[in-house]
Amino acid sequence: MAQVKIEQVREGQHPSEVVVAVRTADGGSEKLVVDRRSIRNDALDVGYPVGEDNDRLLVELPRESMRGLWRVWVKRDSVD
């Protein structure tokens, strides 16, 4: 399983949740609520990349982002 680097933004509504941001390839970010236990070393488990284009990878997030996206393009170096 691949992992994408994330930044913790704030606490979630439930004590076990946290809002994280995934930096996208275009310099923006997608925020999503995840269980705190799913974060390891400031990274979040994602599915293996489902697409690639030069220095970008298309990854599927473990949960829907706040804007309703399940897949986002990220820079290749942000995925381990």
PDB file of N, CA and C in Angstrom:
ATOM      1  N   MET A   1       0.841  -1.177   0.000  1.00  0.00           N
ATOM      2  CA  MET A   1       0.000   0.000   0.000  1.00  0.00           C
ATOM      3  C   MET A   1       0.887   1.241   0.000  1.00  0.00           C
ATOM      4  N   ALA A   2       0.494   2.252  -0.726  1.00  0.00           N
ATOM      5  CA  ALA A   2       1.246   3.500  -0.803  1.00  0.00           C
ATOM      6  C   ALA A   2       0.809   4.450   0.308  1.00  0.00           C
ATOM      7  N   GLN A   3       1.664   5.404   0.602  1.00  0.00           N
ATOM      8  CA  GLN A   3       1.342   6.442   1.575  1.00  0.00           C
ATOM      9  C   GLN A   3       1.616   7.800   0.954  1.00  0.00           C
ATOM     10  N   VAL A   4       0.748   8.776   1.270  1.00  0.00           N
ATOM     11  CA  VAL A   4       0.938  10.134   0.792  1.00  0.00           C
ATOM     12  C   VAL A   4       1.179  11.041   2.000  1.00  0.00           C
ATOM     13  N   LYS A   5       2.095  11.979   1.846  1.00  0.00           N
ATOM     14  CA  LYS A   5       2.401  12.907   2.922  1.00  0.00           C
ATOM     15  C   LYS A   5       1.205  13.827   3.161  1.00  0.00           C
ATOM     16  N   ILE A   6       0.946  14.118   4.439  1.00  0.00           N
ATOM     17  CA  ILE A   6      -0.182  14.974   4.796  1.00  0.00           C
ATOM     18  C   ILE A   6       0.254  16.008   5.830  1.00  0.00           C
ATOM     19  N   GLU A   7      -0.620  16.977   6.032  1.00  0.00           N
ATOM     20  CA  GLU A   7      -0.428  17.965   7.089  1.00  0.00           C
ATOM     21  C   GLU A   7      -1.689  17.936   7.942  1.00  0.00           C
ATOM     22  N   GLN A   8      -1.528  17.847   9.249  1.00  0.00           N
ATOM     23  CA  GLN A   8      -2.684  17.872  10.134  1.00  0.00           C
ATOM     24  C   GLN A   8      -3.161  19.309  10.274  1.00  0.00           C
ATOM     25  N   VAL A   9      -4.446  19.548  10.020  1.00  0.00           N
ATOM     26  CA  VAL A   9      -5.004  20.894   9.999  1.00  0.00           C
ATOM     27  C   VAL A   9      -5.653  21.252  11.328  1.00  0.00           C
ATOM     28  N   ARG A  10      -6.534  20.376  11.817  1.00  0.00           N
ATOM     29  CA  ARG A  10      -7.228  20.637  13.081  1.00  0.00           C
ATOM     30  C   ARG A  10      -7.878  19.353  13.574  1.00  0.00           C
ATOM     31  N   GLU A  11      -8.429  19.426  14.783  1.00  0.00           N
ATOM     32  CA  GLU A  11      -9.159  18.305  15.360  1.00  0.00           C
ATOM     33  C   GLU A  11     -10.458  18.098  14.593  1.00  0.00           C
ATOM     34  N   GLY A  12     -10.950  16.876  14.578  1.00  0.00           N
ATOM     35  CA  GLY A  12     -12.236  16.576  13.965  1.00  0.00           C
ATOM     36  C   GLY A  12     -13.350  16.762  14.977  1.00  0.00           C
ATOM     37  N   GLN A  13     -14.584  16.450  14.592  1.00  0.00           N
ATOM     38  CA  GLN A  13     -15.716  16.584  15.506  1.00  0.00           C
ATOM     39  C   GLN A  13     -15.700  15.513  16.587  1.00  0.00           C
ATOM     40  N   HIS A  14     -15.169  14.360  16.259  1.00  0.00           N
ATOM     41  CA  HIS A  14     -15.067  13.255  17.208  1.00  0.00           C
ATOM     42  C   HIS A  14     -13.626  13.202  17.704  1.00  0.00           C
ATOM     43  N   PRO A  15     -13.396  12.831  18.970  1.00  0.00           N
ATOM     44  CA  PRO A  15     -12.020  12.805  19.498  1.00  0.00           C
ATOM     45  C   PRO A  15     -11.047  11.941  18.709  1.00  0.00           C
ATOM     46  N   SER A  16     -11.555  10.918  18.017  1.00  0.00           N
ATOM     47  CA  SER A  16     -10.645  10.043  17.269  1.00  0.00           C
ATOM     48  C   SER A  16     -10.393  10.544  15.851  1.00  0.00           C
ATOM     49  N   GLU A  17     -10.988  11.668  15.467  1.00  0.00           N
ATOM     50  CA  GLU A  17     -10.836  12.193  14.107  1.00  0.00           C
ATOM     51  C   GLU A  17      -9.905  13.394  14.047  1.00  0.00           C
ATOM     52  N   VAL A  18      -9.321  13.572  12.885  1.00  0.00           N
ATOM     53  CA  VAL A  18      -8.478  14.733  12.617  1.00  0.00           C
ATOM     54  C   VAL A  18      -8.698  15.151  11.165  1.00  0.00           C
ATOM     55  N   VAL A  19      -8.640  16.444  10.922  1.00  0.00           N
ATOM     56  CA  VAL A  19      -8.736  16.964   9.557  1.00  0.00           C
ATOM     57  C   VAL A  19      -7.315  17.104   9.031  1.00  0.00           C
ATOM     58  N   VAL A  20      -7.067  16.511   7.862  1.00  0.00           N
ATOM     59  CA  VAL A  20      -5.740  16.569   7.259  1.00  0.00           C
ATOM     60  C   VAL A  20      -5.837  17.196   5.875  1.00  0.00           C
ATOM     61  N   ALA A  21      -4.711  17.693   5.397  1.00  0.00           N
ATOM     62  CA  ALA A  21      -4.633  18.263   4.056  1.00  0.00           C
ATOM     63  C   ALA A  21      -3.611  17.484   3.248  1.00  0.00           C
ATOM     64  N   VAL A  22      -4.006  17.132   2.040  1.00  0.00           N
ATOM     65  CA  VAL A  22      -3.115  16.471   1.084  1.00  0.00           C
ATOM     66  C   VAL A  22      -2.742  17.519   0.044  1.00  0.00           C
ATOM     67  N   ARG A  23      -1.461  17.772  -0.135  1.00  0.00           N
ATOM     68  CA  ARG A  23      -0.990  18.757  -1.113  1.00  0.00           C
ATOM     69  C   ARG A  23      -1.136  18.164  -2.507  1.00  0.00           C
ATOM     70  N   THR A  24      -1.826  18.878  -3.381  1.00  0.00           N
ATOM     71  CA  THR A  24      -2.043  18.396  -4.744  1.00  0.00           C
ATOM     72  C   THR A  24      -0.921  18.848  -5.663  1.00  0.00           C
ATOM     73  N   ALA A  25      -0.835  18.231  -6.818  1.00  0.00           N
ATOM     74  CA  ALA A  25       0.247  18.524  -7.765  1.00  0.00           C
ATOM     75  C   ALA A  25       0.211  19.963  -8.270  1.00  0.00           C
ATOM     76  N   ASP A  26      -0.973  20.582  -8.295  1.00  0.00           N
ATOM     77  CA  ASP A  26      -1.075  21.956  -8.785  1.00  0.00           C
ATOM     78  C   ASP A  26      -0.802  22.999  -7.697  1.00  0.00           C
ATOM     79  N   GLY A  27      -0.408  22.542  -6.499  1.00  0.00           N
ATOM     80  CA  GLY A  27      -0.073  23.456  -5.417  1.00  0.00           C
ATOM     81  C   GLY A  27      -1.205  23.723  -4.451  1.00  0.00           C
ATOM     82  N   GLY A  28      -2.394  23.217  -4.748  1.00  0.00           N
ATOM     83  CA  GLY A  28      -3.533  23.372  -3.847  1.00  0.00           C
ATOM     84  C   GLY A  28      -3.514  22.289  -2.790  1.00  0.00           C
ATOM     85  N   SER A  29      -4.627  22.138  -2.101  1.00  0.00           N
ATOM     86  CA  SER A  29      -4.725  21.061  -1.125  1.00  0.00           C
ATOM     87  C   SER A  29      -6.159  20.575  -1.042  1.00  0.00           C
ATOM     88  N   GLU A  30      -6.296  19.322  -0.668  1.00  0.00           N
ATOM     89  CA  GLU A  30      -7.600  18.711  -0.433  1.00  0.00           C
ATOM     90  C   GLU A  30      -7.652  18.318   1.034  1.00  0.00           C
ATOM     91  N   LYS A  31      -8.702  18.732   1.706  1.00  0.00           N
ATOM     92  CA  LYS A  31      -8.872  18.411   3.122  1.00  0.00           C
ATOM     93  C   LYS A  31      -9.859  17.263   3.264  1.00  0.00           C
ATOM     94  N   LEU A  32      -9.567  16.378   4.222  1.00  0.00           N
ATOM     95  CA  LEU A  32     -10.469  15.283   4.514  1.00  0.00           C
ATOM     96  C   LEU A  32     -10.360  14.916   5.973  1.00  0.00           C
ATOM     97  N   VAL A  33     -11.420  14.309   6.500  1.00  0.00           N
ATOM     98  CA  VAL A  33     -11.466  13.870   7.890  1.00  0.00           C
ATOM     99  C   VAL A  33     -11.093  12.397   7.918  1.00  0.00           C
ATOM    100  N   VAL A  34     -10.123  12.057   8.768  1.00  0.00           N
ATOM    101  CA  VAL A  34      -9.678  10.670   8.882  1.00  0.00           C
ATOM    102  C   VAL A  34      -9.568  10.282  10.343  1.00  0.00           C
ATOM    103  N   ASP A  35      -9.551   8.997  10.586  1.00  0.00           N
ATOM    104  CA  ASP A  35      -9.316   8.492  11.927  1.00  0.00           C
ATOM    105  C   ASP A  35      -7.850   8.733  12.273  1.00  0.00           C
ATOM    106  N   ARG A  36      -7.622   9.198  13.457  1.00  0.00           N
ATOM    107  CA  ARG A  36      -6.272   9.530  13.925  1.00  0.00           C
ATOM    108  C   ARG A  36      -5.308   8.338  13.795  1.00  0.00           C
ATOM    109  N   ARG A  37      -5.834   7.125  13.964  1.00  0.00           N
ATOM    110  CA  ARG A  37      -4.983   5.925  13.905  1.00  0.00           C
ATOM    111  C   ARG A  37      -4.479   5.616  12.507  1.00  0.00           C
ATOM    112  N   SER A  38      -5.064   6.240  11.481  1.00  0.00           N
ATOM    113  CA  SER A  38      -4.646   5.957  10.106  1.00  0.00           C
ATOM    114  C   SER A  38      -3.443   6.800   9.675  1.00  0.00           C
ATOM    115  N   ILE A  39      -2.960   7.660  10.560  1.00  0.00           N
ATOM    116  CA  ILE A  39      -1.800   8.512  10.250  1.00  0.00           C
ATOM    117  C   ILE A  39      -0.555   7.902  10.866  1.00  0.00           C
ATOM    118  N   ARG A  40       0.471   7.745  10.029  1.00  0.00           N
ATOM    119  CA  ARG A  40       1.766   7.244  10.505  1.00  0.00           C
ATOM    120  C   ARG A  40       2.867   8.096   9.906  1.00  0.00           C
ATOM    121  N   ASN A  41       3.699   8.672  10.755  1.00  0.00           N
ATOM    122  CA  ASN A  41       4.836   9.481  10.305  1.00  0.00           C
ATOM    123  C   ASN A  41       4.402  10.578   9.330  1.00  0.00           C
ATOM    124  N   ASP A  42       3.331  11.295   9.678  1.00  0.00           N
ATOM    125  CA  ASP A  42       2.791  12.382   8.844  1.00  0.00           C
ATOM    126  C   ASP A  42       2.462  11.913   7.431  1.00  0.00           C
ATOM    127  N   ALA A  43       1.972  10.687   7.325  1.00  0.00           N
ATOM    128  CA  ALA A  43       1.558  10.130   6.033  1.00  0.00           C
ATOM    129  C   ALA A  43       0.280   9.323   6.238  1.00  0.00           C
ATOM    130  N   LEU A  44      -0.471   9.201   5.161  1.00  0.00           N
ATOM    131  CA  LEU A  44      -1.764   8.533   5.173  1.00  0.00           C
ATOM    132  C   LEU A  44      -1.768   7.427   4.129  1.00  0.00           C
ATOM    133  N   ASP A  45      -2.270   6.252   4.501  1.00  0.00           N
ATOM    134  CA  ASP A  45      -2.372   5.154   3.535  1.00  0.00           C
ATOM    135  C   ASP A  45      -3.349   5.518   2.431  1.00  0.00           C
ATOM    136  N   VAL A  46      -2.943   5.289   1.201  1.00  0.00           N
ATOM    137  CA  VAL A  46      -3.805   5.481   0.036  1.00  0.00           C
ATOM    138  C   VAL A  46      -3.645   4.243  -0.845  1.00  0.00           C
ATOM    139  N   GLY A  47      -4.546   4.077  -1.776  1.00  0.00           N
ATOM    140  CA  GLY A  47      -4.407   2.971  -2.706  1.00  0.00           C
ATOM    141  C   GLY A  47      -3.203   3.191  -3.613  1.00  0.00           C
ATOM    142  N   TYR A  48      -2.744   2.128  -4.236  1.00  0.00           N
ATOM    143  CA  TYR A  48      -1.660   2.288  -5.193  1.00  0.00           C
ATOM    144  C   TYR A  48      -2.094   3.271  -6.275  1.00  0.00           C
ATOM    145  N   PRO A  49      -1.175   4.067  -6.796  1.00  0.00           N
ATOM    146  CA  PRO A  49      -1.548   5.047  -7.824  1.00  0.00           C
ATOM    147  C   PRO A  49      -2.308   4.405  -8.976  1.00  0.00           C
ATOM    148  N   VAL A  50      -3.399   5.049  -9.378  1.00  0.00           N
ATOM    149  CA  VAL A  50      -4.221   4.521 -10.465  1.00  0.00           C
ATOM    150  C   VAL A  50      -3.907   5.205 -11.786  1.00  0.00           C
ATOM    151  N   GLY A  51      -3.015   6.176 -11.749  1.00  0.00           N
ATOM    152  CA  GLY A  51      -2.601   6.863 -12.966  1.00  0.00           C
ATOM    153  C   GLY A  51      -1.303   7.606 -12.723  1.00  0.00           C
ATOM    154  N   GLU A  52      -0.578   7.872 -13.803  1.00  0.00           N
ATOM    155  CA  GLU A  52       0.649   8.653 -13.672  1.00  0.00           C
ATOM    156  C   GLU A  52       0.862   9.486 -14.916  1.00  0.00           C
ATOM    157  N   ASP A  53       1.518  10.623 -14.709  1.00  0.00           N
ATOM    158  CA  ASP A  53       1.767  11.566 -15.782  1.00  0.00           C
ATOM    159  C   ASP A  53       3.012  12.364 -15.415  1.00  0.00           C
ATOM    160  N   ASN A  54       4.135  12.050 -16.035  1.00  0.00           N
ATOM    161  CA  ASN A  54       5.412  12.704 -15.739  1.00  0.00           C
ATOM    162  C   ASN A  54       5.728  12.627 -14.255  1.00  0.00           C
ATOM    163  N   ASP A  55       5.720  13.761 -13.542  1.00  0.00           N
ATOM    164  CA  ASP A  55       6.082  13.774 -12.125  1.00  0.00           C
ATOM    165  C   ASP A  55       4.862  13.760 -11.213  1.00  0.00           C
ATOM    166  N   ARG A  56       3.686  13.361 -11.748  1.00  0.00           N
ATOM    167  CA  ARG A  56       2.453  13.323 -10.957  1.00  0.00           C
ATOM    168  C   ARG A  56       1.899  11.903 -10.893  1.00  0.00           C
ATOM    169  N   LEU A  57       1.215  11.624  -9.777  1.00  0.00           N
ATOM    170  CA  LEU A  57       0.522  10.351  -9.608  1.00  0.00           C
ATOM    171  C   LEU A  57      -0.919  10.630  -9.214  1.00  0.00           C
ATOM    172  N   LEU A  58      -1.834   9.823  -9.718  1.00  0.00           N
ATOM    173  CA  LEU A  58      -3.235   9.920  -9.345  1.00  0.00           C
ATOM    174  C   LEU A  58      -3.493   8.875  -8.266  1.00  0.00           C
ATOM    175  N   VAL A  59      -3.821   9.347  -7.056  1.00  0.00           N
ATOM    176  CA  VAL A  59      -4.047   8.439  -5.936  1.00  0.00           C
ATOM    177  C   VAL A  59      -5.502   8.511  -5.486  1.00  0.00           C
ATOM    178  N   GLU A  60      -5.972   7.402  -4.944  1.00  0.00           N
ATOM    179  CA  GLU A  60      -7.325   7.345  -4.400  1.00  0.00           C
ATOM    180  C   GLU A  60      -7.248   7.530  -2.891  1.00  0.00           C
ATOM    181  N   LEU A  61      -7.975   8.519  -2.394  1.00  0.00           N
ATOM    182  CA  LEU A  61      -7.978   8.823  -0.967  1.00  0.00           C
ATOM    183  C   LEU A  61      -8.784   7.769  -0.206  1.00  0.00           C
ATOM    184  N   PRO A  62      -8.470   7.579   1.081  1.00  0.00           N
ATOM    185  CA  PRO A  62      -9.214   6.588   1.864  1.00  0.00           C
ATOM    186  C   PRO A  62     -10.638   7.027   2.192  1.00  0.00           C
ATOM    187  N   ARG A  63     -10.898   8.336   2.139  1.00  0.00           N
ATOM    188  CA  ARG A  63     -12.231   8.893   2.369  1.00  0.00           C
ATOM    189  C   ARG A  63     -12.431  10.060   1.417  1.00  0.00           C
ATOM    190  N   GLU A  64     -13.663  10.404   1.206  1.00  0.00           N
ATOM    191  CA  GLU A  64     -13.997  11.523   0.323  1.00  0.00           C
ATOM    192  C   GLU A  64     -13.506  12.832   0.930  1.00  0.00           C
ATOM    193  N   SER A  65     -12.947  13.700   0.082  1.00  0.00           N
ATOM    194  CA  SER A  65     -12.475  14.997   0.579  1.00  0.00           C
ATOM    195  C   SER A  65     -13.678  15.903   0.848  1.00  0.00           C
ATOM    196  N   MET A  66     -13.438  17.018   1.487  1.00  0.00           N
ATOM    197  CA  MET A  66     -14.514  17.955   1.809  1.00  0.00           C
ATOM    198  C   MET A  66     -15.151  18.554   0.558  1.00  0.00           C
ATOM    199  N   ARG A  67     -14.427  18.505  -0.560  1.00  0.00           N
ATOM    200  CA  ARG A  67     -14.989  18.995  -1.824  1.00  0.00           C
ATOM    201  C   ARG A  67     -15.611  17.875  -2.654  1.00  0.00           C
ATOM    202  N   GLY A  68     -15.625  16.665  -2.108  1.00  0.00           N
ATOM    203  CA  GLY A  68     -16.281  15.551  -2.783  1.00  0.00           C
ATOM    204  C   GLY A  68     -15.396  14.735  -3.707  1.00  0.00           C
ATOM    205  N   LEU A  69     -14.083  14.894  -3.617  1.00  0.00           N
ATOM    206  CA  LEU A  69     -13.170  14.141  -4.480  1.00  0.00           C
ATOM    207  C   LEU A  69     -12.683  12.870  -3.786  1.00  0.00           C
ATOM    208  N   TRP A  70     -12.550  11.816  -4.566  1.00  0.00           N
ATOM    209  CA  TRP A  70     -11.976  10.569  -4.076  1.00  0.00           C
ATOM    210  C   TRP A  70     -10.557  10.371  -4.612  1.00  0.00           C
ATOM    211  N   ARG A  71     -10.262  10.954  -5.771  1.00  0.00           N
ATOM    212  CA  ARG A  71      -8.939  10.810  -6.393  1.00  0.00           C
ATOM    213  C   ARG A  71      -8.334  12.189  -6.621  1.00  0.00           C
ATOM    214  N   VAL A  72      -7.026  12.308  -6.367  1.00  0.00           N
ATOM    215  CA  VAL A  72      -6.328  13.579  -6.575  1.00  0.00           C
ATOM    216  C   VAL A  72      -4.964  13.320  -7.195  1.00  0.00           C
ATOM    217  N   TRP A  73      -4.509  14.280  -7.993  1.00  0.00           N
ATOM    218  CA  TRP A  73      -3.153  14.236  -8.542  1.00  0.00           C
ATOM    219  C   TRP A  73      -2.212  14.831  -7.507  1.00  0.00           C
ATOM    220  N   VAL A  74      -1.140  14.110  -7.190  1.00  0.00           N
ATOM    221  CA  VAL A  74      -0.126  14.580  -6.265  1.00  0.00           C
ATOM    222  C   VAL A  74       1.250  14.466  -6.935  1.00  0.00           C
ATOM    223  N   LYS A  75       2.206  15.197  -6.416  1.00  0.00           N
ATOM    224  CA  LYS A  75       3.567  15.078  -6.927  1.00  0.00           C
ATOM    225  C   LYS A  75       4.130  13.708  -6.548  1.00  0.00           C
ATOM    226  N   ARG A  76       4.874  13.141  -7.450  1.00  0.00           N
ATOM    227  CA  ARG A  76       5.429  11.804  -7.272  1.00  0.00           C
ATOM    228  C   ARG A  76       6.253  11.707  -5.977  1.00  0.00           C
ATOM    229  N   ASP A  77       6.984  12.761  -5.628  1.00  0.00           N
ATOM    230  CA  ASP A  77       7.844  12.688  -4.443  1.00  0.00           C
ATOM    231  C   ASP A  77       7.080  12.789  -3.124  1.00  0.00           C
ATOM    232  N   SER A  78       5.761  12.996  -3.166  1.00  0.00           N
ATOM    233  CA  SER A  78       4.977  13.019  -1.922  1.00  0.00           C
ATOM    234  C   SER A  78       4.366  11.655  -1.607  1.00  0.00           C
ATOM    235  N   VAL A  79       4.646  10.656  -2.457  1.00  0.00           N
ATOM    236  CA  VAL A  79       4.129   9.301  -2.254  1.00  0.00           C
ATOM    237  C   VAL A  79       5.291   8.357  -1.983  1.00  0.00           C
ATOM    238  N   ASP A  80       5.132   7.562  -0.923  1.00  0.00           N
ATOM    239  CA  ASP A  80       6.146   6.544  -0.594  1.00  0.00           C
ATOM    240  C   ASP A  80       5.602   5.169  -0.886  1.00  0.00           C
TER     241      ASP A  80
END
